[in-house]
Amino acid sequence: MYKIRVILDTKKDVIRTILVDSHLNLEDLHSTIAKSFGFKGQELASFYRTDDEWTQGEEIPLFNMEEVGTGISMQNCLLKEIIPVVNDKLIYVYDFLKMWTFYVDVIEVSEEKTPDLPKIILTVGEIPDEAPEKEFIAEKRDDGFVDEDDNDDEFGDFDEFDYNEY
């Protein structure tokens, strides 16, 4: 049995703690999380592997996206394989048009058999009417190109060139 805390990425606390069977696949976890927050579970979603700092890693999509063969998908990923120990984490994104983003954290793993799983054992806060806006900011990298303000190339400053002469 897994005890999983799911936190909606929003300003106000919106948290669900759920109990699920360790043999559950991520597709079933997706449905459980969606329903625990009042969604129907019919929108596209993905889980993302993450580290302790919540850095988004490899995507685990709802469906196999490979053109040939069997690729990774929620259906072929079991909880006990993807997040086997306490403090393992995933990021869950539901509905790519609205980008509801959740932090999934394993808070307890046990061999205890509990009937009637999955089960919501804690509910804190209500989900807002609209998904919080996401701001995607890329890290500034040195891509090898010269800055716009740098005019020290071999041709001089093109801004001062009079194109009407020709």
Protein backbone atom coordinates (compact mmCIF):
# COMPACT_ATOMS: atom_id res chain seq x y z
CA MET A 1 0.00 0.00 0.00
CA TYR A 2 1.16 3.52 -0.82
CA LYS A 3 0.18 6.70 0.95
CA ILE A 4 0.60 9.50 -1.56
CA ARG A 5 0.30 13.24 -1.00
CA VAL A 6 -0.81 15.22 -4.05
CA ILE A 7 -0.46 19.00 -3.97
CA LEU A 8 -1.94 21.33 -6.57
CA ASP A 9 0.51 24.01 -7.70
CA THR A 10 -1.50 27.06 -6.66
CA LYS A 11 -1.23 29.91 -4.14
CA LYS A 12 -3.76 28.40 -1.73
CA ASP A 13 -3.24 24.97 -0.21
CA VAL A 14 -5.10 22.31 -2.17
CA ILE A 15 -3.96 18.87 -1.05
CA ARG A 16 -5.21 15.30 -1.24
CA THR A 17 -3.69 12.33 0.51
CA ILE A 18 -4.69 9.03 -1.03
CA LEU A 19 -4.10 5.37 -0.31
CA VAL A 20 -3.49 3.14 -3.32
CA ASP A 21 -2.35 -0.41 -3.97
CA SER A 22 1.36 -0.78 -4.78
CA HIS A 23 0.50 -2.84 -7.89
CA LEU A 24 -1.41 0.09 -9.40
CA ASN A 25 -0.20 1.40 -12.75
CA LEU A 26 0.21 5.12 -13.44
CA GLU A 27 -2.90 5.19 -15.64
CA ASP A 28 -4.99 4.18 -12.63
CA LEU A 29 -3.14 6.68 -10.45
CA HIS A 30 -3.94 9.36 -13.05
CA SER A 31 -7.66 8.53 -12.80
CA THR A 32 -7.53 8.46 -9.02
CA ILE A 33 -5.80 11.83 -8.75
CA ALA A 34 -8.07 13.46 -11.32
CA LYS A 35 -11.22 12.24 -9.57
CA SER A 36 -9.92 13.18 -6.11
CA PHE A 37 -9.68 16.79 -7.33
CA GLY A 38 -13.10 16.74 -8.99
CA PHE A 39 -12.05 16.17 -12.60
CA LYS A 40 -13.59 13.52 -14.84
CA GLY A 41 -10.19 12.17 -15.85
CA GLN A 42 -10.92 12.46 -19.59
CA GLU A 43 -8.22 14.98 -20.52
CA LEU A 44 -4.71 14.16 -21.64
CA ALA A 45 -2.15 14.03 -18.88
CA SER A 46 1.44 13.07 -18.19
CA PHE A 47 3.60 12.21 -15.25
CA TYR A 48 7.19 13.43 -15.16
CA ARG A 49 10.02 11.90 -13.22
CA THR A 50 11.61 14.41 -10.86
CA ASP A 51 14.31 14.79 -8.28
CA ASP A 52 14.07 16.13 -4.72
CA GLU A 53 14.14 19.70 -6.06
CA TRP A 54 11.12 19.04 -8.33
CA THR A 55 13.19 19.38 -11.51
CA GLN A 56 11.06 18.05 -14.35
CA GLY A 57 12.57 15.00 -16.02
CA GLU A 58 11.46 12.19 -18.34
CA GLU A 59 7.83 12.26 -19.43
CA ILE A 60 5.53 9.30 -18.89
CA PRO A 61 2.58 10.01 -21.20
CA LEU A 62 -0.93 8.67 -20.90
CA PHE A 63 -0.56 6.81 -24.21
CA ASN A 64 2.34 5.17 -26.03
CA MET A 65 3.69 7.85 -28.39
CA GLU A 66 6.12 5.60 -30.28
CA GLU A 67 5.44 5.04 -33.98
CA VAL A 68 6.76 1.49 -33.82
CA GLY A 69 6.92 -0.84 -30.86
CA THR A 70 6.03 -0.30 -27.26
CA GLY A 71 7.15 2.95 -25.71
CA ILE A 72 6.74 4.13 -22.18
CA SER A 73 3.19 4.96 -21.12
CA MET A 74 1.20 5.17 -17.91
CA GLN A 75 -0.36 1.80 -18.62
CA ASN A 76 2.95 -0.09 -18.55
CA CYS A 77 4.46 1.68 -15.51
CA LEU A 78 3.72 0.31 -12.05
CA LEU A 79 3.94 2.46 -8.93
CA LYS A 80 6.26 0.04 -7.18
CA GLU A 81 8.73 0.33 -10.10
CA ILE A 82 8.52 4.08 -10.81
CA ILE A 83 8.35 5.41 -7.23
CA PRO A 84 9.43 2.49 -5.03
CA VAL A 85 10.40 4.27 -1.79
CA VAL A 86 9.26 7.01 0.58
CA ASN A 87 10.02 10.54 -0.66
CA ASP A 88 10.05 9.49 -4.33
CA LYS A 89 8.34 12.18 -6.36
CA LEU A 90 6.54 12.78 -9.65
CA ILE A 91 5.08 15.84 -11.31
CA TYR A 92 1.60 15.28 -12.74
CA VAL A 93 0.15 17.57 -15.42
CA TYR A 94 -3.54 17.23 -16.20
CA ASP A 95 -5.25 18.85 -19.21
CA PHE A 96 -2.56 20.36 -21.40
CA LEU A 97 -4.82 23.25 -22.41
CA LYS A 98 -5.22 24.38 -18.79
CA MET A 99 -1.99 22.93 -17.38
CA TRP A 100 -3.21 21.83 -13.95
CA THR A 101 0.08 20.89 -12.28
CA PHE A 102 0.40 18.66 -9.23
CA TYR A 103 3.27 17.51 -7.06
CA VAL A 104 3.03 13.80 -6.18
CA ASP A 105 5.03 12.62 -3.18
CA VAL A 106 5.21 9.13 -1.65
CA ILE A 107 4.86 9.61 2.12
CA GLU A 108 4.48 5.97 3.19
CA VAL A 109 5.00 2.51 1.71
CA SER A 110 3.82 -0.59 3.53
CA GLU A 111 2.95 -4.22 2.92
CA GLU A 112 -0.33 -3.74 4.78
CA LYS A 113 -3.40 -4.93 2.87
CA THR A 114 -6.19 -2.38 2.97
CA PRO A 115 -9.61 -3.05 1.45
CA ASP A 116 -11.48 -0.62 -0.79
CA LEU A 117 -8.51 1.07 -2.43
CA PRO A 118 -8.00 3.68 -3.76
CA LYS A 119 -9.20 5.82 -0.90
CA ILE A 120 -8.93 9.55 -0.16
CA ILE A 121 -7.91 9.94 3.49
CA LEU A 122 -7.24 13.71 3.62
CA THR A 123 -8.74 16.64 1.75
CA VAL A 124 -7.44 20.18 2.25
CA GLY A 125 -8.75 23.13 0.24
CA GLU A 126 -10.92 23.46 -2.82
CA ILE A 127 -9.69 23.53 -6.37
CA PRO A 128 -9.98 27.01 -7.95
CA ASP A 129 -12.41 27.64 -10.80
CA GLU A 130 -9.54 28.20 -13.21
CA ALA A 131 -6.06 26.73 -13.45
CA PRO A 132 -3.28 29.04 -12.27
CA GLU A 133 -1.42 30.68 -15.14
CA LYS A 134 1.94 29.11 -15.83
CA GLU A 135 4.93 31.23 -16.72
CA PHE A 136 7.56 29.35 -18.67
CA ILE A 137 10.95 31.00 -18.41
CA ALA A 138 13.93 29.45 -20.09
CA GLU A 139 17.33 29.65 -18.50
CA LYS A 140 19.69 31.99 -20.32
CA ARG A 141 22.32 29.90 -22.02
CA ASP A 142 25.44 30.71 -23.95
CA ASP A 143 24.33 29.44 -27.35
CA GLY A 144 27.46 30.58 -29.18
CA PHE A 145 25.71 33.47 -30.92
CA VAL A 146 26.70 37.08 -30.39
CA ASP A 147 24.41 39.43 -28.47
CA GLU A 148 22.29 41.87 -30.48
CA ASP A 149 24.21 44.82 -29.03
CA ASP A 150 27.57 43.43 -30.13
CA ASN A 151 28.50 45.09 -33.45
CA ASP A 152 32.15 44.12 -33.55
CA ASP A 153 31.88 41.87 -36.57
CA GLU A 154 33.90 42.25 -39.75
CA PHE A 155 31.08 44.06 -41.61
CA GLY A 156 30.48 46.89 -39.14
CA ASP A 157 27.16 48.20 -37.84
CA PHE A 158 24.32 47.38 -40.25
CA ASP A 159 21.89 49.69 -38.42
CA GLU A 160 23.76 52.71 -39.80
CA PHE A 161 23.82 51.39 -43.37
CA ASP A 162 21.71 53.37 -45.83
CA TYR A 163 19.80 50.78 -47.89
CA ASN A 164 18.12 53.44 -50.03
CA GLU A 165 21.36 54.25 -51.87
CA TYR A 166 21.07 51.08 -53.95
